[in-house]
C-alpha atoms as a PDB file:
ATOM      1  CA  UNK A   1     -29.927 -64.479   1.269  1.00  0.00           C
ATOM      2  CA  UNK A   2     -27.520 -61.998  -0.346  1.00  0.00           C
ATOM      3  CA  UNK A   3     -30.520 -59.889  -1.427  1.00  0.00           C
ATOM      4  CA  UNK A   4     -31.429 -59.368   2.217  1.00  0.00           C
ATOM      5  CA  UNK A   5     -27.904 -58.111   2.873  1.00  0.00           C
ATOM      6  CA  UNK A   6     -27.847 -55.548   0.063  1.00  0.00           C
ATOM      7  CA  UNK A   7     -31.039 -53.674  -0.775  1.00  0.00           C
ATOM      8  CA  UNK A   8     -32.597 -50.197  -0.721  1.00  0.00           C
ATOM      9  CA  UNK A   9     -34.476 -50.727   2.548  1.00  0.00           C
ATOM     10  CA  UNK A  10     -31.316 -51.748   4.379  1.00  0.00           C
ATOM     11  CA  UNK A  11     -29.480 -48.822   2.771  1.00  0.00           C
ATOM     12  CA  UNK A  12     -32.123 -46.500   4.245  1.00  0.00           C
ATOM     13  CA  UNK A  13     -32.069 -48.115   7.705  1.00  0.00           C
ATOM     14  CA  UNK A  14     -28.309 -48.684   7.899  1.00  0.00           C
ATOM     15  CA  UNK A  15     -26.968 -45.936   5.648  1.00  0.00           C
ATOM     16  CA  UNK A  16     -23.242 -46.593   5.107  1.00  0.00           C
ATOM     17  CA  UNK A  17     -22.510 -42.858   4.852  1.00  0.00           C
ATOM     18  CA  UNK A  18     -24.207 -42.090   8.171  1.00  0.00           C
ATOM     19  CA  UNK A  19     -22.520 -45.019   9.909  1.00  0.00           C
ATOM     20  CA  UNK A  20     -19.030 -44.693   8.413  1.00  0.00           C
ATOM     21  CA  UNK A  21     -18.833 -41.113   7.128  1.00  0.00           C
ATOM     22  CA  UNK A  22     -17.371 -39.735  10.362  1.00  0.00           C
ATOM     23  CA  UNK A  23     -14.526 -42.285  10.265  1.00  0.00           C
ATOM     24  CA  UNK A  24     -13.554 -43.025   6.653  1.00  0.00           C
ATOM     25  CA  UNK A  25     -11.295 -40.424   5.071  1.00  0.00           C
ATOM     26  CA  UNK A  26      -9.759 -39.952   1.633  1.00  0.00           C
ATOM     27  CA  UNK A  27      -6.717 -42.172   1.108  1.00  0.00           C
ATOM     28  CA  UNK A  28      -7.461 -44.684   3.861  1.00  0.00           C
ATOM     29  CA  UNK A  29      -6.930 -48.420   3.582  1.00  0.00           C
ATOM     30  CA  UNK A  30     -10.016 -50.109   5.041  1.00  0.00           C
ATOM     31  CA  UNK A  31     -10.746 -53.755   5.825  1.00  0.00           C
ATOM     32  CA  UNK A  32     -14.410 -54.714   5.433  1.00  0.00           C
ATOM     33  CA  UNK A  33     -14.356 -57.949   7.412  1.00  0.00           C
ATOM     34  CA  UNK A  34     -17.206 -60.311   6.597  1.00  0.00           C
ATOM     35  CA  UNK A  35     -18.080 -58.110   3.636  1.00  0.00           C
ATOM     36  CA  UNK A  36     -20.860 -60.316   2.266  1.00  0.00           C
ATOM     37  CA  UNK A  37     -22.027 -59.064  -1.150  1.00  0.00           C
ATOM     38  CA  UNK A  38     -20.341 -55.691  -0.583  1.00  0.00           C
ATOM     39  CA  UNK A  39     -23.102 -53.597   0.979  1.00  0.00           C
ATOM     40  CA  UNK A  40     -20.487 -51.496   2.793  1.00  0.00           C
ATOM     41  CA  UNK A  41     -17.433 -52.218   0.589  1.00  0.00           C
ATOM     42  CA  UNK A  42     -18.596 -50.180  -2.398  1.00  0.00           C
ATOM     43  CA  UNK A  43     -19.584 -47.184  -0.279  1.00  0.00           C
ATOM     44  CA  UNK A  44     -16.327 -47.362   1.694  1.00  0.00           C
ATOM     45  CA  UNK A  45     -14.379 -47.309  -1.585  1.00  0.00           C
ATOM     46  CA  UNK A  46     -16.249 -44.181  -2.637  1.00  0.00           C
ATOM     47  CA  UNK A  47     -15.573 -42.507   0.736  1.00  0.00           C
ATOM     48  CA  UNK A  48     -11.868 -43.457   0.668  1.00  0.00           C
ATOM     49  CA  UNK A  49     -11.582 -41.975  -2.810  1.00  0.00           C
ATOM     50  CA  UNK A  50      -9.233 -42.749  -5.671  1.00  0.00           C
ATOM     51  CA  UNK A  51      -6.212 -42.854  -3.376  1.00  0.00           C
ATOM     52  CA  UNK A  52      -7.942 -45.199  -0.921  1.00  0.00           C
ATOM     53  CA  UNK A  53      -8.124 -48.971  -0.861  1.00  0.00           C
ATOM     54  CA  UNK A  54     -10.719 -51.432   0.441  1.00  0.00           C
ATOM     55  CA  UNK A  55      -9.935 -55.020   1.311  1.00  0.00           C
ATOM     56  CA  UNK A  56     -13.217 -56.908   1.233  1.00  0.00           C
ATOM     57  CA  UNK A  57     -12.779 -60.163   3.146  1.00  0.00           C
ATOM     58  CA  UNK A  58     -15.269 -62.985   3.500  1.00  0.00           C
ATOM     59  CA  UNK A  59     -15.269 -66.723   4.157  1.00  0.00           C
ATOM     60  CA  UNK A  60     -17.783 -67.409   1.421  1.00  0.00           C
ATOM     61  CA  UNK A  61     -16.609 -67.362  -2.187  1.00  0.00           C
ATOM     62  CA  UNK A  62     -20.253 -66.891  -3.237  1.00  0.00           C
ATOM     63  CA  UNK A  63     -20.371 -63.535  -1.441  1.00  0.00           C
ATOM     64  CA  UNK A  64     -17.052 -62.427  -2.921  1.00  0.00           C
ATOM     65  CA  UNK A  65     -18.320 -63.396  -6.378  1.00  0.00           C
ATOM     66  CA  UNK A  66     -21.403 -61.207  -5.911  1.00  0.00           C
ATOM     67  CA  UNK A  67     -19.150 -58.281  -5.045  1.00  0.00           C
ATOM     68  CA  UNK A  68     -16.813 -59.115  -7.949  1.00  0.00           C
ATOM     69  CA  UNK A  69     -19.808 -59.047 -10.320  1.00  0.00           C
ATOM     70  CA  UNK A  70     -21.047 -55.768  -8.820  1.00  0.00           C
ATOM     71  CA  UNK A  71     -17.768 -53.896  -9.407  1.00  0.00           C
ATOM     72  CA  UNK A  72     -16.718 -55.567 -12.671  1.00  0.00           C
ATOM     73  CA  UNK A  73     -15.932 -53.002 -15.343  1.00  0.00           C
ATOM     74  CA  UNK A  74     -16.023 -50.054 -12.925  1.00  0.00           C
ATOM     75  CA  UNK A  75     -13.213 -47.945 -11.479  1.00  0.00           C
ATOM     76  CA  UNK A  76     -13.886 -49.655  -8.139  1.00  0.00           C
ATOM     77  CA  UNK A  77     -12.277 -52.849  -9.460  1.00  0.00           C
ATOM     78  CA  UNK A  78      -8.901 -51.174  -8.890  1.00  0.00           C
ATOM     79  CA  UNK A  79      -9.779 -49.952  -5.402  1.00  0.00           C
ATOM     80  CA  UNK A  80     -11.473 -53.019  -3.907  1.00  0.00           C
ATOM     81  CA  UNK A  81      -9.329 -56.089  -3.304  1.00  0.00           C
ATOM     82  CA  UNK A  82     -11.231 -59.305  -2.612  1.00  0.00           C
ATOM     83  CA  UNK A  83      -9.797 -61.601   0.043  1.00  0.00           C
ATOM     84  CA  UNK A  84     -11.066 -65.084   0.788  1.00  0.00           C
ATOM     85  CA  UNK A  85     -10.483 -65.479   4.511  1.00  0.00           C
ATOM     86  CA  UNK A  86     -10.392 -68.727   6.442  1.00  0.00           C
ATOM     87  CA  UNK A  87     -12.388 -69.865   9.463  1.00  0.00           C
ATOM     88  CA  UNK A  88      -9.618 -69.021  11.924  1.00  0.00           C
ATOM     89  CA  UNK A  89      -7.500 -66.604   9.900  1.00  0.00           C
ATOM     90  CA  UNK A  90      -8.161 -63.439   7.930  1.00  0.00           C
ATOM     91  CA  UNK A  91      -4.870 -63.744   6.038  1.00  0.00           C
ATOM     92  CA  UNK A  92      -4.396 -60.009   5.651  1.00  0.00           C
ATOM     93  CA  UNK A  93      -0.972 -58.925   4.372  1.00  0.00           C
ATOM     94  CA  UNK A  94      -1.471 -55.134   4.464  1.00  0.00           C
ATOM     95  CA  UNK A  95      -1.703 -52.759   7.389  1.00  0.00           C
ATOM     96  CA  UNK A  96      -4.995 -50.875   7.542  1.00  0.00           C
ATOM     97  CA  UNK A  97      -6.311 -47.587   8.905  1.00  0.00           C
ATOM     98  CA  UNK A  98      -9.802 -48.826   9.702  1.00  0.00           C
ATOM     99  CA  UNK A  99     -11.613 -52.138  10.142  1.00  0.00           C
ATOM    100  CA  UNK A 100     -15.350 -52.622   9.825  1.00  0.00           C
ATOM    101  CA  UNK A 101     -16.608 -55.794  11.526  1.00  0.00           C
ATOM    102  CA  UNK A 102     -20.339 -55.588  10.866  1.00  0.00           C
ATOM    103  CA  UNK A 103     -22.541 -58.409  12.210  1.00  0.00           C
ATOM    104  CA  UNK A 104     -19.707 -60.933  12.169  1.00  0.00           C
ATOM    105  CA  UNK A 105     -17.635 -61.018  15.379  1.00  0.00           C
ATOM    106  CA  UNK A 106     -20.280 -63.129  17.145  1.00  0.00           C
ATOM    107  CA  UNK A 107     -19.939 -65.691  14.326  1.00  0.00           C
ATOM    108  CA  UNK A 108     -16.249 -66.364  14.978  1.00  0.00           C
ATOM    109  CA  UNK A 109     -15.139 -69.378  16.980  1.00  0.00           C
ATOM    110  CA  UNK A 110     -12.180 -67.613  18.603  1.00  0.00           C
ATOM    111  CA  UNK A 111     -12.833 -63.898  19.092  1.00  0.00           C
ATOM    112  CA  UNK A 112      -9.513 -63.335  20.871  1.00  0.00           C
ATOM    113  CA  UNK A 113      -7.545 -64.770  17.950  1.00  0.00           C
ATOM    114  CA  UNK A 114      -9.532 -62.653  15.495  1.00  0.00           C
ATOM    115  CA  UNK A 115      -8.970 -59.494  17.548  1.00  0.00           C
ATOM    116  CA  UNK A 116      -5.236 -60.164  17.879  1.00  0.00           C
ATOM    117  CA  UNK A 117      -4.926 -60.622  14.111  1.00  0.00           C
ATOM    118  CA  UNK A 118      -6.840 -57.392  13.502  1.00  0.00           C
ATOM    119  CA  UNK A 119      -4.650 -55.486  15.967  1.00  0.00           C
ATOM    120  CA  UNK A 120      -1.495 -56.848  14.314  1.00  0.00           C
ATOM    121  CA  UNK A 121      -2.601 -55.250  11.026  1.00  0.00           C
ATOM    122  CA  UNK A 122      -4.084 -52.041  12.430  1.00  0.00           C
ATOM    123  CA  UNK A 123      -1.912 -48.957  11.934  1.00  0.00           C
ATOM    124  CA  UNK A 124      -0.893 -47.096  15.137  1.00  0.00           C
ATOM    125  CA  UNK A 125      -3.773 -44.601  14.877  1.00  0.00           C
ATOM    126  CA  UNK A 126      -6.142 -47.204  13.415  1.00  0.00           C
ATOM    127  CA  UNK A 127      -9.716 -47.837  14.491  1.00  0.00           C
ATOM    128  CA  UNK A 128     -12.169 -50.719  14.389  1.00  0.00           C
ATOM    129  CA  UNK A 129     -15.936 -50.438  14.372  1.00  0.00           C
ATOM    130  CA  UNK A 130     -17.608 -53.544  15.773  1.00  0.00           C
ATOM    131  CA  UNK A 131     -21.342 -53.730  15.105  1.00  0.00           C
ATOM    132  CA  UNK A 132     -23.496 -56.653  16.226  1.00  0.00           C
ATOM    133  CA  UNK A 133     -27.208 -57.359  15.704  1.00  0.00           C
ATOM    134  CA  UNK A 134     -29.396 -56.307  18.631  1.00  0.00           C
ATOM    135  CA  UNK A 135     -31.785 -59.187  17.904  1.00  0.00           C
ATOM    136  CA  UNK A 136     -29.061 -61.842  18.057  1.00  0.00           C
ATOM    137  CA  UNK A 137     -26.316 -60.621  20.416  1.00  0.00           C
ATOM    138  CA  UNK A 138     -27.341 -59.871  23.995  1.00  0.00           C
ATOM    139  CA  UNK A 139     -26.036 -56.850  25.869  1.00  0.00           C
ATOM    140  CA  UNK A 140     -23.989 -59.185  28.078  1.00  0.00           C
ATOM    141  CA  UNK A 141     -22.483 -61.024  25.096  1.00  0.00           C
ATOM    142  CA  UNK A 142     -21.615 -57.702  23.447  1.00  0.00           C
ATOM    143  CA  UNK A 143     -19.984 -56.446  26.656  1.00  0.00           C
ATOM    144  CA  UNK A 144     -17.935 -59.669  26.741  1.00  0.00           C
ATOM    145  CA  UNK A 145     -16.768 -58.999  23.170  1.00  0.00           C
ATOM    146  CA  UNK A 146     -15.772 -55.446  24.130  1.00  0.00           C
ATOM    147  CA  UNK A 147     -13.884 -56.800  27.169  1.00  0.00           C
ATOM    148  CA  UNK A 148     -12.016 -59.281  24.942  1.00  0.00           C
ATOM    149  CA  UNK A 149     -11.147 -56.400  22.616  1.00  0.00           C
ATOM    150  CA  UNK A 150      -9.861 -54.313  25.539  1.00  0.00           C
ATOM    151  CA  UNK A 151      -7.858 -57.273  26.861  1.00  0.00           C
ATOM    152  CA  UNK A 152      -6.401 -57.663  23.349  1.00  0.00           C
ATOM    153  CA  UNK A 153      -5.165 -54.069  23.232  1.00  0.00           C
ATOM    154  CA  UNK A 154      -8.047 -51.924  22.008  1.00  0.00           C
ATOM    155  CA  UNK A 155      -9.569 -48.904  23.737  1.00  0.00           C
ATOM    156  CA  UNK A 156     -13.250 -47.906  23.388  1.00  0.00           C
ATOM    157  CA  UNK A 157     -13.713 -44.466  21.807  1.00  0.00           C
ATOM    158  CA  UNK A 158     -17.475 -44.182  21.408  1.00  0.00           C
ATOM    159  CA  UNK A 159     -20.689 -46.158  20.983  1.00  0.00           C
ATOM    160  CA  UNK A 160     -22.264 -44.927  17.755  1.00  0.00           C
ATOM    161  CA  UNK A 161     -25.962 -45.465  17.161  1.00  0.00           C
ATOM    162  CA  UNK A 162     -26.665 -48.027  14.428  1.00  0.00           C
ATOM    163  CA  UNK A 163     -30.239 -49.180  13.711  1.00  0.00           C
ATOM    164  CA  UNK A 164     -31.105 -52.465  15.488  1.00  0.00           C
ATOM    165  CA  UNK A 165     -27.487 -52.883  16.549  1.00  0.00           C
ATOM    166  CA  UNK A 166     -24.958 -52.674  19.335  1.00  0.00           C
ATOM    167  CA  UNK A 167     -21.832 -50.827  18.234  1.00  0.00           C
ATOM    168  CA  UNK A 168     -18.476 -49.703  19.553  1.00  0.00           C
ATOM    169  CA  UNK A 169     -15.679 -47.763  17.887  1.00  0.00           C
ATOM    170  CA  UNK A 170     -12.289 -48.749  19.280  1.00  0.00           C
ATOM    171  CA  UNK A 171      -8.719 -47.684  18.656  1.00  0.00           C
ATOM    172  CA  UNK A 172      -5.386 -49.323  19.145  1.00  0.00           C
ATOM    173  CA  UNK A 173      -4.010 -48.583  22.615  1.00  0.00           C
ATOM    174  CA  UNK A 174      -0.659 -46.822  22.841  1.00  0.00           C
ATOM    175  CA  UNK A 175       1.293 -49.458  24.760  1.00  0.00           C
END
């Protein structure tokens, strides 16, 4: 299954630089939530540069191990921190500039709890990009997720185009 999540065809269809390039800047701390085998994590680390940091979080140790193996012996080992999250808790200690939640919010049992935890760790000018699969998450279900995010304290900024996906970039509201 991990091979499906990280391959050249996906890289062409869902190019991390096209999707995240407008948002990830040098020196940022970025949470890749539900990172899988690190399809986005590695590219985010390159975009954030030597002064940036990526926290790659996943429930599955198998996925984290694949990412660990991928970056072993490279300079990215110092810039990508692996975090084994729990079913109902990310367990993030750091504050972050940006969160990528790619194809994972629909998998969570309590979206409100997840969103509140993300907001608690998002820096004041921080953003989150929520991307869900078009083939699995209906327009109505996605709109419900966006409403939960708004009710939790996020504000929609834009709806970027991502191949076979529904996406929204949100920022922390200034309450």
